Amino acid sequence: MRSFFWFFCLYIPILCAVMNKILTSSDDLPYNYVPTMWVCAMFIALFSLSSIIHVVQAIRFRLWWLFPTAIFCGLLEVIGWSARLWSSKNPFLRKAFIMSTATTIVAPTPLVAANFIILGRITRQLGPQFCRLSPRWYTILFLSCDILAFVVQSVGGSIASGTQPVLGGHIALGGIALQLVVLILYTALATEFLVRFALDRPVRHIHNVEGGIKVNPQRGTVDTSMRHMLFGMSVMTVLILTRSIYRTIELAGGWDGKVISTQWLFNVFDGTMVMVAIFTLNVFHPGVLLCGLDDELGMGTNEQKVQGSHSE
């Protein structure tokens, strides 16, 4: 009798483990694994917290462009991770997988747009004569590319979650690759701007509207607040760039590839990267560090025109 008892004590856990492995076979699961419930719940809580803080900060400092950028990113992430939480309870449910795939692919794109807008404000304060483009054109150009990348990723994610996963994956990969190229270009131009500012080597002259005389405006100063804002932007850029590289490799490997089938890689290089980036903007907030600047979305009062003549 005692032997029979110990046999069942050992056999039943092994049987349950085997049955669980059979029922959750990666060959049949949309993700190729079952999302971990507590991880999904943690990301939902963190993205919700950051989004609420961003709403309060946007209203407090009247920075309305944060709603379609950082706050929209947080909302998409909450939806995406909620879908993954749903999948942790119903791993074979196709609707949850579709919702998660479509939202997590595009979610960081609005956050990238916030970085572009902030760069325009910084170049305006430190001196537009040190950058290749005017502050307004920085915002217009990079925002347009960001919106295009968002649309391509959205279309690709929707198709990939439906009946044509291969085609959709290629389209989504194109959108992420476009975002990666834009991020690299943005980083290069921002780096050039900061180097030229540090060396006091302007690349263009500012054309005064009234006098028509080419005179460079006074060079701005980098105080403690500006250093903190530049540090925050740098951290956000590195995090989102890392995430974009990961998603490019992930989608390039296909829907059954090793990278996309490894849960911890997604949790670390997608969820954690975006989560730390969005909280970085909470901490290094433009409403605090860049207060008093004119809005770069066309509401400023400075109407200087930039003429692209080189001064070197």
Protein backbone atom coordinates (compact mmCIF):
# COMPACT_ATOMS: atom_id res chain seq x y z
CA MET A 1 0.00 0.00 0.00
CA ARG A 2 2.80 2.37 0.89
CA SER A 3 4.57 1.63 -2.41
CA PHE A 4 1.33 2.27 -4.26
CA PHE A 5 0.97 5.63 -2.48
CA TRP A 6 4.50 6.75 -3.35
CA PHE A 7 4.05 5.61 -6.93
CA PHE A 8 1.08 7.94 -7.37
CA CYS A 9 2.86 10.79 -5.57
CA LEU A 10 5.63 10.58 -8.14
CA TYR A 11 3.56 9.62 -11.16
CA ILE A 12 0.80 12.23 -10.97
CA PRO A 13 3.11 15.32 -11.09
CA ILE A 14 5.03 13.79 -14.00
CA LEU A 15 1.79 13.02 -15.80
CA CYS A 16 0.51 16.58 -15.26
CA ALA A 17 3.76 18.01 -16.61
CA VAL A 18 3.61 15.82 -19.71
CA MET A 19 -0.04 16.65 -20.36
CA ASN A 20 0.66 20.36 -19.92
CA LYS A 21 3.50 20.06 -22.43
CA ILE A 22 1.21 18.29 -24.90
CA LEU A 23 -1.67 20.72 -24.47
CA THR A 24 0.62 23.75 -24.82
CA SER A 25 2.77 22.39 -27.62
CA SER A 26 4.64 25.26 -29.27
CA ASP A 27 3.62 23.85 -32.67
CA ASP A 28 0.05 24.92 -32.01
CA LEU A 29 0.55 28.12 -30.02
CA PRO A 30 0.42 31.48 -31.84
CA TYR A 31 3.41 32.82 -29.87
CA ASN A 32 5.20 29.43 -29.87
CA TYR A 33 5.01 29.70 -26.06
CA VAL A 34 2.54 30.68 -23.34
CA PRO A 35 3.07 34.27 -22.09
CA THR A 36 3.90 34.39 -18.39
CA MET A 37 0.95 35.86 -16.49
CA TRP A 38 2.82 37.83 -13.83
CA VAL A 39 5.15 39.40 -16.40
CA CYS A 40 2.17 40.61 -18.44
CA ALA A 41 0.44 41.97 -15.33
CA MET A 42 3.62 43.79 -14.28
CA PHE A 43 4.00 45.53 -17.65
CA ILE A 44 0.31 46.49 -17.68
CA ALA A 45 0.71 48.12 -14.26
CA LEU A 46 3.94 49.93 -15.17
CA PHE A 47 2.74 51.26 -18.53
CA SER A 48 -0.55 52.35 -16.93
CA LEU A 49 1.33 54.19 -14.18
CA SER A 50 3.60 55.98 -16.66
CA SER A 51 0.65 56.93 -18.88
CA ILE A 52 -1.28 58.41 -15.95
CA ILE A 53 1.78 60.42 -14.90
CA HIS A 54 2.18 61.66 -18.48
CA VAL A 55 -1.46 62.78 -18.57
CA VAL A 56 -0.97 64.79 -15.38
CA GLN A 57 2.30 66.27 -16.64
CA ALA A 58 0.83 67.14 -20.04
CA ILE A 59 -2.07 69.00 -18.43
CA ARG A 60 0.15 70.63 -15.82
CA PHE A 61 2.61 72.02 -18.38
CA ARG A 62 0.07 72.39 -21.22
CA LEU A 63 2.13 70.18 -23.55
CA TRP A 64 -0.72 68.81 -25.61
CA TRP A 65 1.55 67.07 -28.12
CA LEU A 66 2.30 64.50 -25.42
CA PHE A 67 -1.20 63.02 -25.89
CA PRO A 68 -0.64 61.69 -29.44
CA THR A 69 2.96 60.72 -28.61
CA ALA A 70 3.99 59.42 -25.17
CA ILE A 71 0.47 58.90 -23.82
CA PHE A 72 -0.68 57.15 -27.00
CA CYS A 73 2.37 54.89 -26.76
CA GLY A 74 1.49 53.98 -23.18
CA LEU A 75 -2.12 53.23 -24.16
CA LEU A 76 -1.03 50.93 -26.99
CA GLU A 77 1.39 49.12 -24.70
CA VAL A 78 -1.33 48.59 -22.09
CA ILE A 79 -3.61 47.13 -24.76
CA GLY A 80 -0.82 44.92 -26.13
CA TRP A 81 0.21 43.54 -22.76
CA SER A 82 -3.43 43.08 -21.74
CA ALA A 83 -3.82 40.92 -24.83
CA ARG A 84 -0.76 38.91 -23.79
CA LEU A 85 -2.26 38.50 -20.33
CA TRP A 86 -5.41 37.24 -22.03
CA SER A 87 -3.24 34.81 -23.97
CA SER A 88 -1.64 33.54 -20.78
CA LYS A 89 -5.08 32.34 -19.72
CA ASN A 90 -6.23 31.31 -23.21
CA PRO A 91 -3.02 30.43 -25.08
CA PHE A 92 -4.79 29.18 -28.22
CA LEU A 93 -7.08 32.21 -28.58
CA ARG A 94 -6.34 33.86 -31.92
CA LYS A 95 -8.02 37.19 -31.10
CA ALA A 96 -5.68 37.87 -28.19
CA PHE A 97 -2.64 37.10 -30.34
CA ILE A 98 -3.85 39.41 -33.10
CA MET A 99 -4.45 42.25 -30.63
CA SER A 100 -1.06 41.78 -29.00
CA THR A 101 0.87 41.55 -32.27
CA ALA A 102 -0.80 44.56 -33.89
CA THR A 103 -0.31 46.88 -30.89
CA THR A 104 3.15 45.94 -29.60
CA ILE A 105 4.68 46.30 -33.07
CA VAL A 106 3.58 49.94 -33.46
CA ALA A 107 3.39 51.10 -29.82
CA PRO A 108 6.88 52.69 -29.47
CA THR A 109 6.50 54.70 -32.71
CA PRO A 110 4.56 57.60 -31.09
CA LEU A 111 7.19 57.77 -28.34
CA VAL A 112 9.86 58.25 -31.00
CA ALA A 113 7.85 61.21 -32.27
CA ALA A 114 8.15 62.85 -28.84
CA ASN A 115 11.93 62.67 -29.15
CA PHE A 116 11.79 64.37 -32.55
CA ILE A 117 9.67 67.22 -31.20
CA ILE A 118 11.97 67.72 -28.21
CA LEU A 119 15.03 67.86 -30.50
CA GLY A 120 13.39 70.67 -32.46
CA ARG A 121 12.87 72.64 -29.26
CA ILE A 122 16.45 72.06 -28.11
CA THR A 123 17.97 73.18 -31.42
CA ARG A 124 15.84 76.29 -31.26
CA GLN A 125 17.15 77.18 -27.81
CA LEU A 126 20.82 76.34 -28.33
CA GLY A 127 21.06 77.78 -31.83
CA PRO A 128 19.53 76.62 -35.13
CA GLN A 129 22.67 77.74 -36.93
CA PHE A 130 24.40 74.57 -35.70
CA CYS A 131 22.00 72.09 -37.32
CA ARG A 132 21.51 71.00 -40.94
CA LEU A 133 17.80 71.73 -40.88
CA SER A 134 15.70 74.36 -39.20
CA PRO A 135 14.00 73.31 -35.93
CA ARG A 136 10.63 73.31 -37.70
CA TRP A 137 11.89 71.09 -40.51
CA TYR A 138 13.45 68.68 -38.02
CA THR A 139 10.00 68.18 -36.55
CA ILE A 140 8.17 68.03 -39.90
CA LEU A 141 10.62 65.65 -41.60
CA PHE A 142 11.08 63.17 -38.78
CA LEU A 143 7.43 63.22 -37.74
CA SER A 144 6.38 62.50 -41.34
CA CYS A 145 8.77 59.53 -41.50
CA ASP A 146 7.58 58.36 -38.10
CA ILE A 147 3.94 58.49 -39.18
CA LEU A 148 4.80 56.58 -42.36
CA ALA A 149 6.62 53.91 -40.30
CA PHE A 150 3.60 53.73 -37.98
CA VAL A 151 1.21 53.17 -40.89
CA VAL A 152 3.42 50.52 -42.51
CA GLN A 153 3.86 48.68 -39.20
CA SER A 154 0.13 48.86 -38.51
CA VAL A 155 -0.76 47.43 -41.91
CA GLY A 156 1.89 44.73 -41.59
CA GLY A 157 0.83 43.81 -38.08
CA SER A 158 -2.83 43.54 -39.10
CA ILE A 159 -2.06 41.36 -42.12
CA ALA A 160 0.41 39.21 -40.18
CA SER A 161 -2.17 38.53 -37.50
CA GLY A 162 -4.69 37.42 -40.13
CA THR A 163 -4.56 34.97 -42.99
CA GLN A 164 -1.24 36.06 -44.55
CA PRO A 165 1.38 36.00 -41.77
CA VAL A 166 4.36 35.83 -44.11
CA LEU A 167 3.31 38.84 -46.20
CA GLY A 168 2.29 40.78 -43.11
CA GLY A 169 5.57 39.96 -41.42
CA HIS A 170 7.53 41.31 -44.39
CA ILE A 171 5.48 44.52 -44.40
CA ALA A 172 5.88 44.98 -40.64
CA LEU A 173 9.60 44.29 -41.01
CA GLY A 174 9.76 47.04 -43.64
CA GLY A 175 8.06 49.48 -41.27
CA ILE A 176 10.42 48.66 -38.40
CA ALA A 177 13.44 48.84 -40.74
CA LEU A 178 12.25 52.28 -41.89
CA GLN A 179 11.95 53.39 -38.28
CA LEU A 180 15.44 52.05 -37.59
CA VAL A 181 16.90 54.01 -40.52
CA VAL A 182 15.10 57.18 -39.39
CA LEU A 183 16.38 56.70 -35.84
CA ILE A 184 19.95 56.29 -37.07
CA LEU A 185 19.64 59.42 -39.24
CA TYR A 186 18.10 61.33 -36.33
CA THR A 187 20.92 60.22 -34.03
CA ALA A 188 23.55 61.25 -36.58
CA LEU A 189 22.06 64.71 -37.10
CA ALA A 190 21.55 65.27 -33.38
CA THR A 191 25.16 64.22 -32.70
CA GLU A 192 26.45 66.56 -35.41
CA PHE A 193 24.40 69.40 -33.94
CA LEU A 194 25.82 68.86 -30.45
CA VAL A 195 29.40 68.56 -31.73
CA ARG A 196 29.08 71.75 -33.79
CA PHE A 197 27.53 73.53 -30.83
CA ALA A 198 30.38 72.42 -28.54
CA LEU A 199 33.00 73.55 -31.09
CA ASP A 200 31.04 76.72 -31.98
CA ARG A 201 31.11 75.86 -35.68
CA PRO A 202 27.75 76.86 -37.23
CA VAL A 203 26.66 75.16 -40.41
CA ARG A 204 24.17 77.80 -41.58
CA HIS A 205 23.26 81.49 -41.23
CA ILE A 206 20.01 82.83 -39.86
CA HIS A 207 18.25 85.30 -42.14
CA ASN A 208 16.61 88.15 -40.27
CA VAL A 209 13.16 88.78 -41.78
CA GLU A 210 13.23 92.57 -41.32
CA GLY A 211 16.76 93.60 -42.15
CA GLY A 212 17.72 90.87 -44.58
CA ILE A 213 21.18 90.75 -43.01
CA LYS A 214 22.82 87.37 -42.45
CA VAL A 215 23.60 87.32 -38.76
CA ASN A 216 23.95 84.28 -36.53
CA PRO A 217 21.85 84.60 -33.38
CA GLN A 218 23.42 84.43 -29.98
CA ARG A 219 24.69 80.98 -29.05
CA GLY A 220 22.62 79.33 -26.33
CA THR A 221 23.96 77.93 -23.08
CA VAL A 222 23.80 74.40 -21.73
CA ASP A 223 22.69 74.68 -18.11
CA THR A 224 21.89 71.85 -15.69
CA SER A 225 18.34 71.47 -16.97
CA MET A 226 19.49 71.24 -20.57
CA ARG A 227 22.13 68.65 -19.67
CA HIS A 228 19.48 66.57 -17.94
CA MET A 229 17.17 66.84 -20.96
CA LEU A 230 19.96 65.82 -23.34
CA PHE A 231 20.82 62.88 -21.11
CA GLY A 232 17.18 61.78 -21.00
CA MET A 233 16.87 62.01 -24.78
CA SER A 234 20.06 60.01 -25.22
CA VAL A 235 18.79 57.24 -22.93
CA MET A 236 15.45 57.11 -24.74
CA THR A 237 17.13 57.00 -28.14
CA VAL A 238 19.47 54.14 -27.17
CA LEU A 239 16.59 52.14 -25.65
CA ILE A 240 14.28 52.54 -28.64
CA LEU A 241 17.13 51.92 -31.06
CA THR A 242 17.93 48.68 -29.23
CA ARG A 243 14.29 47.66 -29.39
CA SER A 244 14.11 48.41 -33.12
CA ILE A 245 17.21 46.31 -33.80
CA TYR A 246 15.69 43.44 -31.84
CA ARG A 247 12.34 43.61 -33.65
CA THR A 248 14.13 43.76 -37.01
CA ILE A 249 16.08 40.59 -36.19
CA GLU A 250 12.96 38.97 -34.74
CA LEU A 251 10.75 39.51 -37.78
CA ALA A 252 13.57 38.75 -40.20
CA GLY A 253 13.72 35.27 -38.65
CA GLY A 254 10.09 34.56 -39.46
CA TRP A 255 7.13 33.64 -37.25
CA ASP A 256 8.65 30.29 -36.32
CA GLY A 257 12.19 31.59 -35.78
CA LYS A 258 14.16 31.07 -32.61
CA VAL A 259 14.17 34.75 -31.63
CA ILE A 260 10.42 35.31 -31.93
CA SER A 261 9.80 31.99 -30.13
CA THR A 262 11.89 32.97 -27.09
CA GLN A 263 9.75 34.79 -24.54
CA TRP A 264 12.48 36.34 -22.40
CA LEU A 265 13.96 38.09 -25.42
CA PHE A 266 10.64 39.83 -26.08
CA ASN A 267 10.20 40.71 -22.40
CA VAL A 268 13.68 42.23 -22.17
CA PHE A 269 14.31 43.80 -25.57
CA ASP A 270 10.77 44.98 -26.33
CA GLY A 271 8.78 45.37 -23.11
CA THR A 272 11.60 46.50 -20.82
CA MET A 273 13.24 48.79 -23.40
CA VAL A 274 10.00 50.68 -24.09
CA MET A 275 8.98 50.72 -20.44
CA VAL A 276 12.27 52.26 -19.29
CA ALA A 277 12.13 54.74 -22.21
CA ILE A 278 8.65 56.00 -21.38
CA PHE A 279 9.53 56.37 -17.68
CA THR A 280 12.70 58.21 -18.69
CA LEU A 281 10.51 60.85 -20.30
CA ASN A 282 8.51 61.07 -17.05
CA VAL A 283 11.69 61.77 -15.11
CA PHE A 284 13.47 63.99 -17.64
CA HIS A 285 10.36 65.89 -18.64
CA PRO A 286 10.43 68.76 -21.16
CA GLY A 287 7.78 70.61 -19.18
CA VAL A 288 10.26 70.95 -16.32
CA LEU A 289 13.58 71.06 -18.15
CA LEU A 290 12.55 73.07 -21.23
CA CYS A 291 9.92 75.30 -19.68
CA GLY A 292 9.36 78.64 -21.36
CA LEU A 293 10.19 77.50 -24.88
CA ASP A 294 7.80 78.21 -27.74
CA ASP A 295 5.91 75.20 -29.07
CA GLU A 296 7.48 73.58 -32.11
CA LEU A 297 4.15 72.62 -33.66
CA GLY A 298 3.63 76.05 -35.18
CA MET A 299 2.60 78.01 -32.08
CA GLY A 300 5.87 79.84 -31.46
CA THR A 301 6.28 83.57 -31.90
CA ASN A 302 9.78 83.55 -33.34
CA GLU A 303 9.41 83.92 -37.11
CA GLN A 304 12.99 83.80 -38.17
CA LYS A 305 13.61 82.11 -41.50
CA VAL A 306 16.48 79.78 -42.04
CA GLN A 307 18.63 80.08 -45.11
CA GLY A 308 20.78 77.07 -45.89
CA SER A 309 24.05 78.78 -46.79
CA HIS A 310 27.11 77.12 -45.24
CA SER A 311 29.55 79.08 -43.18
CA GLU A 312 32.52 76.78 -43.40
